[in-house]
C-alpha atoms as a PDB file:
ATOM      1  CA  UNK A   1      -0.206   0.097  -0.041  1.00  0.00           C
ATOM      2  CA  UNK A   2       1.535   3.484  -1.347  1.00  0.00           C
ATOM      3  CA  UNK A   3       2.048   5.852   1.610  1.00  0.00           C
ATOM      4  CA  UNK A   4       2.694   9.364   2.069  1.00  0.00           C
ATOM      5  CA  UNK A   5       5.593   9.764   4.363  1.00  0.00           C
ATOM      6  CA  UNK A   6       7.578  12.520   6.150  1.00  0.00           C
ATOM      7  CA  UNK A   7      11.619  12.392   5.516  1.00  0.00           C
ATOM      8  CA  UNK A   8      12.203  14.194   8.641  1.00  0.00           C
ATOM      9  CA  UNK A   9      11.171  16.399  11.018  1.00  0.00           C
ATOM     10  CA  UNK A  10      11.966  19.685   8.916  1.00  0.00           C
ATOM     11  CA  UNK A  11       9.444  18.138   6.735  1.00  0.00           C
ATOM     12  CA  UNK A  12       7.099  18.272   9.351  1.00  0.00           C
ATOM     13  CA  UNK A  13       8.553  21.960  10.364  1.00  0.00           C
ATOM     14  CA  UNK A  14       7.372  23.005   6.865  1.00  0.00           C
ATOM     15  CA  UNK A  15       3.858  21.683   6.845  1.00  0.00           C
ATOM     16  CA  UNK A  16       3.274  23.082   9.850  1.00  0.00           C
ATOM     17  CA  UNK A  17       4.607  26.112   9.295  1.00  0.00           C
ATOM     18  CA  UNK A  18       2.384  26.385   5.685  1.00  0.00           C
ATOM     19  CA  UNK A  19      -1.018  26.539   8.500  1.00  0.00           C
ATOM     20  CA  UNK A  20       0.638  30.141  10.096  1.00  0.00           C
ATOM     21  CA  UNK A  21       1.023  30.249  13.668  1.00  0.00           C
ATOM     22  CA  UNK A  22      -0.407  28.239  16.564  1.00  0.00           C
ATOM     23  CA  UNK A  23      -1.021  29.640  19.724  1.00  0.00           C
ATOM     24  CA  UNK A  24       0.297  27.449  22.674  1.00  0.00           C
ATOM     25  CA  UNK A  25      -0.367  27.823  26.513  1.00  0.00           C
ATOM     26  CA  UNK A  26       2.668  26.756  28.640  1.00  0.00           C
ATOM     27  CA  UNK A  27       2.291  25.743  31.551  1.00  0.00           C
ATOM     28  CA  UNK A  28       4.812  27.087  34.322  1.00  0.00           C
ATOM     29  CA  UNK A  29       6.528  28.531  31.371  1.00  0.00           C
ATOM     30  CA  UNK A  30       9.803  29.353  33.730  1.00  0.00           C
ATOM     31  CA  UNK A  31      12.294  27.046  32.745  1.00  0.00           C
ATOM     32  CA  UNK A  32      15.067  28.051  30.117  1.00  0.00           C
ATOM     33  CA  UNK A  33      14.830  24.433  28.252  1.00  0.00           C
ATOM     34  CA  UNK A  34      11.411  24.938  27.902  1.00  0.00           C
ATOM     35  CA  UNK A  35      11.700  28.728  26.889  1.00  0.00           C
ATOM     36  CA  UNK A  36      14.659  27.580  24.684  1.00  0.00           C
ATOM     37  CA  UNK A  37      12.269  25.930  22.593  1.00  0.00           C
ATOM     38  CA  UNK A  38       9.931  28.369  22.419  1.00  0.00           C
ATOM     39  CA  UNK A  39      12.231  30.765  21.224  1.00  0.00           C
ATOM     40  CA  UNK A  40      12.944  28.425  18.421  1.00  0.00           C
ATOM     41  CA  UNK A  41       9.563  27.768  17.527  1.00  0.00           C
ATOM     42  CA  UNK A  42       8.591  31.485  17.781  1.00  0.00           C
ATOM     43  CA  UNK A  43      11.916  32.330  15.952  1.00  0.00           C
ATOM     44  CA  UNK A  44      10.387  30.037  12.949  1.00  0.00           C
ATOM     45  CA  UNK A  45       7.130  31.634  12.890  1.00  0.00           C
ATOM     46  CA  UNK A  46       5.558  28.161  14.007  1.00  0.00           C
ATOM     47  CA  UNK A  47       3.916  29.940  16.927  1.00  0.00           C
ATOM     48  CA  UNK A  48       2.906  32.247  19.361  1.00  0.00           C
ATOM     49  CA  UNK A  49       3.503  31.718  22.753  1.00  0.00           C
ATOM     50  CA  UNK A  50       1.370  31.940  26.049  1.00  0.00           C
ATOM     51  CA  UNK A  51       3.629  31.709  28.904  1.00  0.00           C
ATOM     52  CA  UNK A  52       1.711  30.963  32.377  1.00  0.00           C
ATOM     53  CA  UNK A  53       3.970  31.507  35.374  1.00  0.00           C
ATOM     54  CA  UNK A  54       5.824  33.577  37.731  1.00  0.00           C
ATOM     55  CA  UNK A  55       6.232  36.333  35.260  1.00  0.00           C
ATOM     56  CA  UNK A  56       9.129  38.000  36.852  1.00  0.00           C
ATOM     57  CA  UNK A  57      11.301  34.396  36.781  1.00  0.00           C
ATOM     58  CA  UNK A  58       9.925  34.125  33.040  1.00  0.00           C
ATOM     59  CA  UNK A  59      10.962  37.609  32.326  1.00  0.00           C
ATOM     60  CA  UNK A  60      14.591  36.408  34.367  1.00  0.00           C
ATOM     61  CA  UNK A  61      15.371  33.889  32.416  1.00  0.00           C
ATOM     62  CA  UNK A  62      14.354  34.913  29.048  1.00  0.00           C
ATOM     63  CA  UNK A  63      17.047  37.772  29.253  1.00  0.00           C
ATOM     64  CA  UNK A  64      19.582  34.709  30.008  1.00  0.00           C
ATOM     65  CA  UNK A  65      18.749  33.312  26.799  1.00  0.00           C
ATOM     66  CA  UNK A  66      18.384  35.975  25.072  1.00  0.00           C
ATOM     67  CA  UNK A  67      14.718  35.626  24.114  1.00  0.00           C
ATOM     68  CA  UNK A  68      12.741  38.486  23.355  1.00  0.00           C
ATOM     69  CA  UNK A  69       9.037  38.602  24.784  1.00  0.00           C
ATOM     70  CA  UNK A  70       7.760  41.073  22.689  1.00  0.00           C
ATOM     71  CA  UNK A  71       5.469  38.303  20.730  1.00  0.00           C
ATOM     72  CA  UNK A  72       4.044  36.619  23.719  1.00  0.00           C
ATOM     73  CA  UNK A  73       1.240  36.611  26.005  1.00  0.00           C
ATOM     74  CA  UNK A  74       2.409  36.528  29.579  1.00  0.00           C
ATOM     75  CA  UNK A  75      -0.273  35.233  32.469  1.00  0.00           C
ATOM     76  CA  UNK A  76       1.311  35.837  35.931  1.00  0.00           C
ATOM     77  CA  UNK A  77       0.387  33.041  37.999  1.00  0.00           C
ATOM     78  CA  UNK A  78       3.097  31.973  40.625  1.00  0.00           C
ATOM     79  CA  UNK A  79       0.850  29.547  42.487  1.00  0.00           C
ATOM     80  CA  UNK A  80       2.051  25.599  41.272  1.00  0.00           C
ATOM     81  CA  UNK A  81      -1.644  24.730  42.088  1.00  0.00           C
ATOM     82  CA  UNK A  82      -2.911  27.085  40.295  1.00  0.00           C
ATOM     83  CA  UNK A  83      -0.787  27.194  37.106  1.00  0.00           C
ATOM     84  CA  UNK A  84      -1.813  24.628  34.993  1.00  0.00           C
ATOM     85  CA  UNK A  85      -5.252  25.362  35.705  1.00  0.00           C
ATOM     86  CA  UNK A  86      -4.749  28.827  34.286  1.00  0.00           C
ATOM     87  CA  UNK A  87      -2.718  27.625  31.068  1.00  0.00           C
ATOM     88  CA  UNK A  88      -5.879  24.955  30.380  1.00  0.00           C
ATOM     89  CA  UNK A  89      -8.280  27.524  30.935  1.00  0.00           C
ATOM     90  CA  UNK A  90      -6.808  29.365  27.974  1.00  0.00           C
ATOM     91  CA  UNK A  91      -7.142  26.298  25.738  1.00  0.00           C
ATOM     92  CA  UNK A  92     -11.245  25.944  26.962  1.00  0.00           C
ATOM     93  CA  UNK A  93     -11.689  29.541  26.539  1.00  0.00           C
ATOM     94  CA  UNK A  94     -10.009  29.255  22.707  1.00  0.00           C
ATOM     95  CA  UNK A  95      -7.144  31.438  23.376  1.00  0.00           C
ATOM     96  CA  UNK A  96      -4.378  28.724  22.815  1.00  0.00           C
ATOM     97  CA  UNK A  97      -4.403  25.876  19.980  1.00  0.00           C
ATOM     98  CA  UNK A  98      -2.526  23.574  21.997  1.00  0.00           C
ATOM     99  CA  UNK A  99      -0.793  23.221  25.492  1.00  0.00           C
ATOM    100  CA  UNK A 100       2.603  22.491  26.799  1.00  0.00           C
ATOM    101  CA  UNK A 101       3.920  21.134  30.161  1.00  0.00           C
ATOM    102  CA  UNK A 102       6.775  23.509  31.462  1.00  0.00           C
ATOM    103  CA  UNK A 103       8.419  23.539  34.814  1.00  0.00           C
ATOM    104  CA  UNK A 104       5.681  21.702  37.054  1.00  0.00           C
ATOM    105  CA  UNK A 105       4.923  17.582  37.857  1.00  0.00           C
ATOM    106  CA  UNK A 106       3.193  15.899  35.105  1.00  0.00           C
ATOM    107  CA  UNK A 107       0.754  14.595  37.720  1.00  0.00           C
ATOM    108  CA  UNK A 108      -0.657  17.716  38.597  1.00  0.00           C
ATOM    109  CA  UNK A 109      -0.418  19.000  35.451  1.00  0.00           C
ATOM    110  CA  UNK A 110      -2.166  16.241  33.926  1.00  0.00           C
ATOM    111  CA  UNK A 111      -4.964  16.760  37.068  1.00  0.00           C
ATOM    112  CA  UNK A 112      -5.921  20.114  35.717  1.00  0.00           C
ATOM    113  CA  UNK A 113      -6.211  18.714  32.041  1.00  0.00           C
ATOM    114  CA  UNK A 114      -8.593  15.953  33.048  1.00  0.00           C
ATOM    115  CA  UNK A 115     -10.178  17.933  35.254  1.00  0.00           C
ATOM    116  CA  UNK A 116     -14.070  17.317  35.142  1.00  0.00           C
ATOM    117  CA  UNK A 117     -15.318  20.820  34.711  1.00  0.00           C
ATOM    118  CA  UNK A 118     -13.646  22.965  31.927  1.00  0.00           C
ATOM    119  CA  UNK A 119     -11.134  20.335  31.098  1.00  0.00           C
ATOM    120  CA  UNK A 120      -9.818  18.822  27.968  1.00  0.00           C
ATOM    121  CA  UNK A 121     -10.900  15.316  28.142  1.00  0.00           C
ATOM    122  CA  UNK A 122     -12.934  13.275  25.616  1.00  0.00           C
ATOM    123  CA  UNK A 123     -13.225  10.294  26.623  1.00  0.00           C
ATOM    124  CA  UNK A 124     -10.465   8.457  24.606  1.00  0.00           C
ATOM    125  CA  UNK A 125      -7.967   6.779  26.286  1.00  0.00           C
ATOM    126  CA  UNK A 126      -5.244   9.431  26.608  1.00  0.00           C
ATOM    127  CA  UNK A 127      -1.864   7.948  24.768  1.00  0.00           C
ATOM    128  CA  UNK A 128       1.741   9.022  23.906  1.00  0.00           C
ATOM    129  CA  UNK A 129       2.851   9.176  20.130  1.00  0.00           C
ATOM    130  CA  UNK A 130       6.787   9.542  19.887  1.00  0.00           C
ATOM    131  CA  UNK A 131       8.674  10.359  15.939  1.00  0.00           C
ATOM    132  CA  UNK A 132      12.033   9.553  14.874  1.00  0.00           C
ATOM    133  CA  UNK A 133      14.301  10.581  12.740  1.00  0.00           C
ATOM    134  CA  UNK A 134      16.774   7.786  12.298  1.00  0.00           C
ATOM    135  CA  UNK A 135      20.044   8.478  10.926  1.00  0.00           C
ATOM    136  CA  UNK A 136      20.305   5.676   7.984  1.00  0.00           C
ATOM    137  CA  UNK A 137      16.490   5.957   7.460  1.00  0.00           C
ATOM    138  CA  UNK A 138      14.908   7.605   4.382  1.00  0.00           C
ATOM    139  CA  UNK A 139      11.537   8.154   6.452  1.00  0.00           C
ATOM    140  CA  UNK A 140      10.389   8.866  10.214  1.00  0.00           C
ATOM    141  CA  UNK A 141       9.804   6.258  12.480  1.00  0.00           C
ATOM    142  CA  UNK A 142       6.319   6.330  14.945  1.00  0.00           C
ATOM    143  CA  UNK A 143       6.354   4.599  18.335  1.00  0.00           C
ATOM    144  CA  UNK A 144       3.436   4.700  20.453  1.00  0.00           C
ATOM    145  CA  UNK A 145       2.684   3.982  23.964  1.00  0.00           C
ATOM    146  CA  UNK A 146       6.335   4.378  25.223  1.00  0.00           C
ATOM    147  CA  UNK A 147       5.005   7.208  27.940  1.00  0.00           C
ATOM    148  CA  UNK A 148       1.971   7.181  29.296  1.00  0.00           C
ATOM    149  CA  UNK A 149      -0.273   3.766  29.402  1.00  0.00           C
ATOM    150  CA  UNK A 150       2.120   1.201  31.569  1.00  0.00           C
ATOM    151  CA  UNK A 151       0.827  -2.224  30.816  1.00  0.00           C
ATOM    152  CA  UNK A 152      -2.583  -1.941  28.391  1.00  0.00           C
ATOM    153  CA  UNK A 153      -5.231  -4.192  27.791  1.00  0.00           C
ATOM    154  CA  UNK A 154      -6.364  -5.437  24.242  1.00  0.00           C
ATOM    155  CA  UNK A 155      -8.797  -2.778  24.352  1.00  0.00           C
ATOM    156  CA  UNK A 156      -6.470  -0.480  25.385  1.00  0.00           C
ATOM    157  CA  UNK A 157      -4.050  -0.959  22.814  1.00  0.00           C
ATOM    158  CA  UNK A 158      -7.140  -0.640  20.108  1.00  0.00           C
ATOM    159  CA  UNK A 159      -7.442   2.541  21.605  1.00  0.00           C
ATOM    160  CA  UNK A 160      -4.028   3.632  21.646  1.00  0.00           C
ATOM    161  CA  UNK A 161      -3.834   2.510  17.845  1.00  0.00           C
ATOM    162  CA  UNK A 162      -6.688   4.788  17.278  1.00  0.00           C
ATOM    163  CA  UNK A 163      -5.383   7.704  18.364  1.00  0.00           C
ATOM    164  CA  UNK A 164      -2.177   7.423  16.827  1.00  0.00           C
ATOM    165  CA  UNK A 165      -3.688   6.726  13.441  1.00  0.00           C
ATOM    166  CA  UNK A 166      -6.175   9.590  13.765  1.00  0.00           C
ATOM    167  CA  UNK A 167      -3.179  11.811  14.053  1.00  0.00           C
ATOM    168  CA  UNK A 168      -0.960  10.385  11.421  1.00  0.00           C
ATOM    169  CA  UNK A 169      -3.630  10.395   8.622  1.00  0.00           C
ATOM    170  CA  UNK A 170      -4.455  14.077   9.971  1.00  0.00           C
ATOM    171  CA  UNK A 171      -0.707  15.027   9.386  1.00  0.00           C
ATOM    172  CA  UNK A 172      -1.664  13.847   5.562  1.00  0.00           C
ATOM    173  CA  UNK A 173      -0.351  10.322   5.584  1.00  0.00           C
ATOM    174  CA  UNK A 174      -2.605   8.207   3.722  1.00  0.00           C
ATOM    175  CA  UNK A 175      -1.924   4.666   4.599  1.00  0.00           C
ATOM    176  CA  UNK A 176       0.034   3.726   7.638  1.00  0.00           C
ATOM    177  CA  UNK A 177       2.267   0.368   8.045  1.00  0.00           C
ATOM    178  CA  UNK A 178       1.662  -0.963  11.716  1.00  0.00           C
ATOM    179  CA  UNK A 179       3.593  -3.699  13.739  1.00  0.00           C
ATOM    180  CA  UNK A 180       2.718  -4.624  16.797  1.00  0.00           C
ATOM    181  CA  UNK A 181       5.588  -5.256  18.464  1.00  0.00           C
ATOM    182  CA  UNK A 182       6.762  -8.728  20.102  1.00  0.00           C
ATOM    183  CA  UNK A 183       9.561 -10.725  20.845  1.00  0.00           C
ATOM    184  CA  UNK A 184       9.147 -13.129  18.218  1.00  0.00           C
ATOM    185  CA  UNK A 185       6.071 -14.308  15.505  1.00  0.00           C
ATOM    186  CA  UNK A 186       4.136 -17.301  17.145  1.00  0.00           C
ATOM    187  CA  UNK A 187       1.046 -16.678  18.870  1.00  0.00           C
ATOM    188  CA  UNK A 188       1.399 -18.537  22.744  1.00  0.00           C
ATOM    189  CA  UNK A 189      -0.776 -18.077  25.436  1.00  0.00           C
ATOM    190  CA  UNK A 190       2.139 -17.822  27.638  1.00  0.00           C
ATOM    191  CA  UNK A 191       2.909 -14.414  26.517  1.00  0.00           C
ATOM    192  CA  UNK A 192       0.118 -12.450  26.364  1.00  0.00           C
ATOM    193  CA  UNK A 193       1.515  -9.785  23.999  1.00  0.00           C
ATOM    194  CA  UNK A 194       1.653 -12.146  21.281  1.00  0.00           C
ATOM    195  CA  UNK A 195      -2.283 -12.771  21.736  1.00  0.00           C
ATOM    196  CA  UNK A 196      -3.223  -9.149  21.812  1.00  0.00           C
ATOM    197  CA  UNK A 197      -0.951  -8.719  18.718  1.00  0.00           C
ATOM    198  CA  UNK A 198      -2.731 -11.314  16.781  1.00  0.00           C
ATOM    199  CA  UNK A 199      -5.807 -10.149  17.483  1.00  0.00           C
ATOM    200  CA  UNK A 200      -5.206  -6.112  16.361  1.00  0.00           C
ATOM    201  CA  UNK A 201      -4.139  -8.110  13.044  1.00  0.00           C
ATOM    202  CA  UNK A 202      -7.054  -9.621  12.889  1.00  0.00           C
ATOM    203  CA  UNK A 203      -9.151  -6.972  13.735  1.00  0.00           C
ATOM    204  CA  UNK A 204      -7.073  -4.650  10.864  1.00  0.00           C
ATOM    205  CA  UNK A 205      -7.992  -7.638   8.554  1.00  0.00           C
ATOM    206  CA  UNK A 206     -11.710  -7.056   9.302  1.00  0.00           C
ATOM    207  CA  UNK A 207     -11.628  -3.308   8.125  1.00  0.00           C
ATOM    208  CA  UNK A 208     -11.498  -1.506  11.948  1.00  0.00           C
ATOM    209  CA  UNK A 209      -8.144   0.264  10.942  1.00  0.00           C
ATOM    210  CA  UNK A 210      -9.199   1.779   7.658  1.00  0.00           C
ATOM    211  CA  UNK A 211      -6.247   3.272   6.035  1.00  0.00           C
ATOM    212  CA  UNK A 212      -3.705   1.113   7.804  1.00  0.00           C
ATOM    213  CA  UNK A 213      -2.433  -2.308   7.893  1.00  0.00           C
ATOM    214  CA  UNK A 214      -1.432  -3.930  11.070  1.00  0.00           C
ATOM    215  CA  UNK A 215       0.180  -6.538  11.242  1.00  0.00           C
ATOM    216  CA  UNK A 216       1.953  -8.644  14.324  1.00  0.00           C
ATOM    217  CA  UNK A 217       2.710 -10.139  16.197  1.00  0.00           C
ATOM    218  CA  UNK A 218       5.923  -9.178  14.859  1.00  0.00           C
ATOM    219  CA  UNK A 219       9.167  -8.940  16.077  1.00  0.00           C
ATOM    220  CA  UNK A 220      11.720  -5.815  15.618  1.00  0.00           C
ATOM    221  CA  UNK A 221      13.891  -7.495  12.772  1.00  0.00           C
ATOM    222  CA  UNK A 222      10.897  -8.444  10.783  1.00  0.00           C
ATOM    223  CA  UNK A 223       9.553  -4.852  11.134  1.00  0.00           C
ATOM    224  CA  UNK A 224      12.396  -3.363   9.767  1.00  0.00           C
ATOM    225  CA  UNK A 225      14.409  -5.680   7.579  1.00  0.00           C
ATOM    226  CA  UNK A 226      12.358  -7.375   4.336  1.00  0.00           C
ATOM    227  CA  UNK A 227      15.882  -9.365   4.299  1.00  0.00           C
ATOM    228  CA  UNK A 228      14.843 -10.893   8.105  1.00  0.00           C
ATOM    229  CA  UNK A 229      11.394 -11.633   7.031  1.00  0.00           C
ATOM    230  CA  UNK A 230      12.720 -13.965   3.742  1.00  0.00           C
ATOM    231  CA  UNK A 231      14.816 -15.700   6.351  1.00  0.00           C
ATOM    232  CA  UNK A 232      12.259 -16.284   8.244  1.00  0.00           C
ATOM    233  CA  UNK A 233      10.104 -17.244   6.040  1.00  0.00           C
ATOM    234  CA  UNK A 234       7.270 -15.155   6.802  1.00  0.00           C
ATOM    235  CA  UNK A 235       5.095 -13.212   4.550  1.00  0.00           C
ATOM    236  CA  UNK A 236       4.436  -9.582   5.313  1.00  0.00           C
ATOM    237  CA  UNK A 237       2.485  -7.090   3.304  1.00  0.00           C
ATOM    238  CA  UNK A 238       4.629  -4.561   5.009  1.00  0.00           C
ATOM    239  CA  UNK A 239       7.819  -6.297   4.237  1.00  0.00           C
ATOM    240  CA  UNK A 240       9.840  -3.763   6.699  1.00  0.00           C
ATOM    241  CA  UNK A 241       8.780  -0.913   5.605  1.00  0.00           C
ATOM    242  CA  UNK A 242       6.840  -0.064   8.709  1.00  0.00           C
ATOM    243  CA  UNK A 243       5.807   3.724   9.687  1.00  0.00           C
ATOM    244  CA  UNK A 244       4.446   2.607  13.362  1.00  0.00           C
ATOM    245  CA  UNK A 245       5.353   0.721  16.712  1.00  0.00           C
ATOM    246  CA  UNK A 246       2.343  -0.168  18.577  1.00  0.00           C
ATOM    247  CA  UNK A 247       4.422  -1.747  21.735  1.00  0.00           C
ATOM    248  CA  UNK A 248       2.950  -3.862  24.489  1.00  0.00           C
ATOM    249  CA  UNK A 249       3.951  -2.275  27.708  1.00  0.00           C
ATOM    250  CA  UNK A 250       5.831   1.162  28.498  1.00  0.00           C
ATOM    251  CA  UNK A 251       9.121  -0.412  29.066  1.00  0.00           C
ATOM    252  CA  UNK A 252       9.161  -1.831  25.645  1.00  0.00           C
ATOM    253  CA  UNK A 253       8.431   1.814  24.431  1.00  0.00           C
ATOM    254  CA  UNK A 254      10.793   3.541  26.813  1.00  0.00           C
ATOM    255  CA  UNK A 255      13.877   1.216  26.119  1.00  0.00           C
ATOM    256  CA  UNK A 256      13.194   1.491  22.240  1.00  0.00           C
ATOM    257  CA  UNK A 257      12.965   5.141  22.309  1.00  0.00           C
ATOM    258  CA  UNK A 258      16.215   5.403  23.894  1.00  0.00           C
ATOM    259  CA  UNK A 259      18.077   2.907  22.273  1.00  0.00           C
ATOM    260  CA  UNK A 260      17.267   4.847  19.306  1.00  0.00           C
ATOM    261  CA  UNK A 261      17.983   7.853  21.122  1.00  0.00           C
ATOM    262  CA  UNK A 262      21.394   7.196  22.740  1.00  0.00           C
ATOM    263  CA  UNK A 263      22.823   4.009  20.168  1.00  0.00           C
ATOM    264  CA  UNK A 264      21.037   5.407  16.547  1.00  0.00           C
ATOM    265  CA  UNK A 265      21.725   9.233  17.099  1.00  0.00           C
ATOM    266  CA  UNK A 266      17.966   9.157  16.548  1.00  0.00           C
ATOM    267  CA  UNK A 267      16.397  13.070  17.530  1.00  0.00           C
ATOM    268  CA  UNK A 268      12.689  12.133  19.059  1.00  0.00           C
ATOM    269  CA  UNK A 269       9.900  14.357  19.763  1.00  0.00           C
ATOM    270  CA  UNK A 270       6.295  13.218  21.576  1.00  0.00           C
ATOM    271  CA  UNK A 271       3.230  14.116  22.509  1.00  0.00           C
ATOM    272  CA  UNK A 272      -0.029  13.368  24.257  1.00  0.00           C
ATOM    273  CA  UNK A 273      -3.079  12.566  22.461  1.00  0.00           C
ATOM    274  CA  UNK A 274      -6.601  11.666  22.843  1.00  0.00           C
ATOM    275  CA  UNK A 275      -7.251  15.298  24.580  1.00  0.00           C
ATOM    276  CA  UNK A 276      -9.138  17.715  22.914  1.00  0.00           C
ATOM    277  CA  UNK A 277      -5.814  19.693  21.839  1.00  0.00           C
ATOM    278  CA  UNK A 278      -3.066  17.968  21.085  1.00  0.00           C
ATOM    279  CA  UNK A 279      -0.353  18.087  24.658  1.00  0.00           C
ATOM    280  CA  UNK A 280       3.591  18.685  24.772  1.00  0.00           C
ATOM    281  CA  UNK A 281       4.364  16.804  27.600  1.00  0.00           C
ATOM    282  CA  UNK A 282       8.454  16.286  27.369  1.00  0.00           C
ATOM    283  CA  UNK A 283      10.945  14.906  30.087  1.00  0.00           C
ATOM    284  CA  UNK A 284      13.554  17.386  31.848  1.00  0.00           C
ATOM    285  CA  UNK A 285      16.194  15.246  29.829  1.00  0.00           C
ATOM    286  CA  UNK A 286      15.034  15.960  26.285  1.00  0.00           C
ATOM    287  CA  UNK A 287      16.647  18.747  24.854  1.00  0.00           C
ATOM    288  CA  UNK A 288      15.747  21.930  23.648  1.00  0.00           C
ATOM    289  CA  UNK A 289      15.466  20.783  19.718  1.00  0.00           C
ATOM    290  CA  UNK A 290      13.546  17.721  20.996  1.00  0.00           C
ATOM    291  CA  UNK A 291      11.188  20.065  22.582  1.00  0.00           C
ATOM    292  CA  UNK A 292      10.844  21.966  19.735  1.00  0.00           C
ATOM    293  CA  UNK A 293      10.081  19.371  17.151  1.00  0.00           C
ATOM    294  CA  UNK A 294       7.163  18.509  19.555  1.00  0.00           C
ATOM    295  CA  UNK A 295       5.635  21.475  19.612  1.00  0.00           C
ATOM    296  CA  UNK A 296       5.692  21.103  15.844  1.00  0.00           C
ATOM    297  CA  UNK A 297       3.930  17.722  15.819  1.00  0.00           C
ATOM    298  CA  UNK A 298       1.792  19.309  18.073  1.00  0.00           C
ATOM    299  CA  UNK A 299       1.085  22.582  15.632  1.00  0.00           C
ATOM    300  CA  UNK A 300       0.519  20.252  12.867  1.00  0.00           C
ATOM    301  CA  UNK A 301      -1.985  18.200  14.324  1.00  0.00           C
ATOM    302  CA  UNK A 302      -4.134  21.241  16.036  1.00  0.00           C
ATOM    303  CA  UNK A 303      -7.944  21.903  14.847  1.00  0.00           C
ATOM    304  CA  UNK A 304      -8.299  24.145  12.491  1.00  0.00           C
ATOM    305  CA  UNK A 305     -11.401  25.991  11.836  1.00  0.00           C
END
C-alpha cells in the first residue's frame, strides 16, 4: 500500500508552518530549556506563545537566553497549584490551540487537563506518540505508547492505536503500516502480548483500522528488515516498511525510544493524544530541539477551523 511519508522533522516543520502560527499555552513556563524551545519555535514562525507562570522568573530566564518576549502573552500565576489550570483555561476559552507542560509535576499538570469541569477530556484514553528521525532511514518512525499507559490491555491497545492513526492521517499520511511489536512471531498464551497482537491483526483484516495495515505478532527485526522476514520465512504485506510500532508495555516503548536516541543518534519528539487538543508533555532530559520538534508535531495536528 503506497503511503505518503515524512522524510524527517524538517518536512513536518515545513508543513506545520504553512498553516500559520499556532497559539500554545505553556504551564509553568519558567524553565530555561522550555523557553529555549519556545524561542526556536517562535523564531521559525511556528507559534505564538502564551507563557503562564511567575512572570518575573520567566523574564529573568528569557533574558539569559536572549529571548525577546515582545511577541508573547504573559499570564502571571506564581501558585504552582493554579498554573496548569490557568493554561488549560486558555485552551478551553479558545485563546490557545494546544498545551505544553513546563516546570511542573506531570501528575499535577494532567490533573488540570482531566479536571471534570472545563477540562480537556474526551472520553478517549490518553496515549503518547513518539516520532523519530533515525540516521540511515529515509522515513520517520513512530512509536506508541512509550510514555503514558503502563501495561495496556487489548481494548486499551486498540484505543492507543486509533489515537495514533487519527494523528498520522491528520498530518497527511494516507496509509500507515503498523507492526504490533512482540518478542517473536508465534502467538503463545504464555506471552499475552502475542495474543493481543494477533487479535489486533485480525481486527485489521476485518476492516477495523481503515487506511492502515496492522500486522503482528512480529519482532523488531522483521518490522524493519525484508531480509530478516525472508530468512524467517514470514510473509508480510508491510515487508519491513513499518511506519508505526505499537509496543506491548511502557518499558518496551521507553527502551526502544532511548535505544534509538542513544545508540542510533535519532532525534525524538513526542506528544499526548486523546484530549481535545494535542499536548506537549516532554521530559526534563529532552533537549530544546526535541521539545521544539514536539511543538512542531502539536502545531501540525492542532484543530483548525
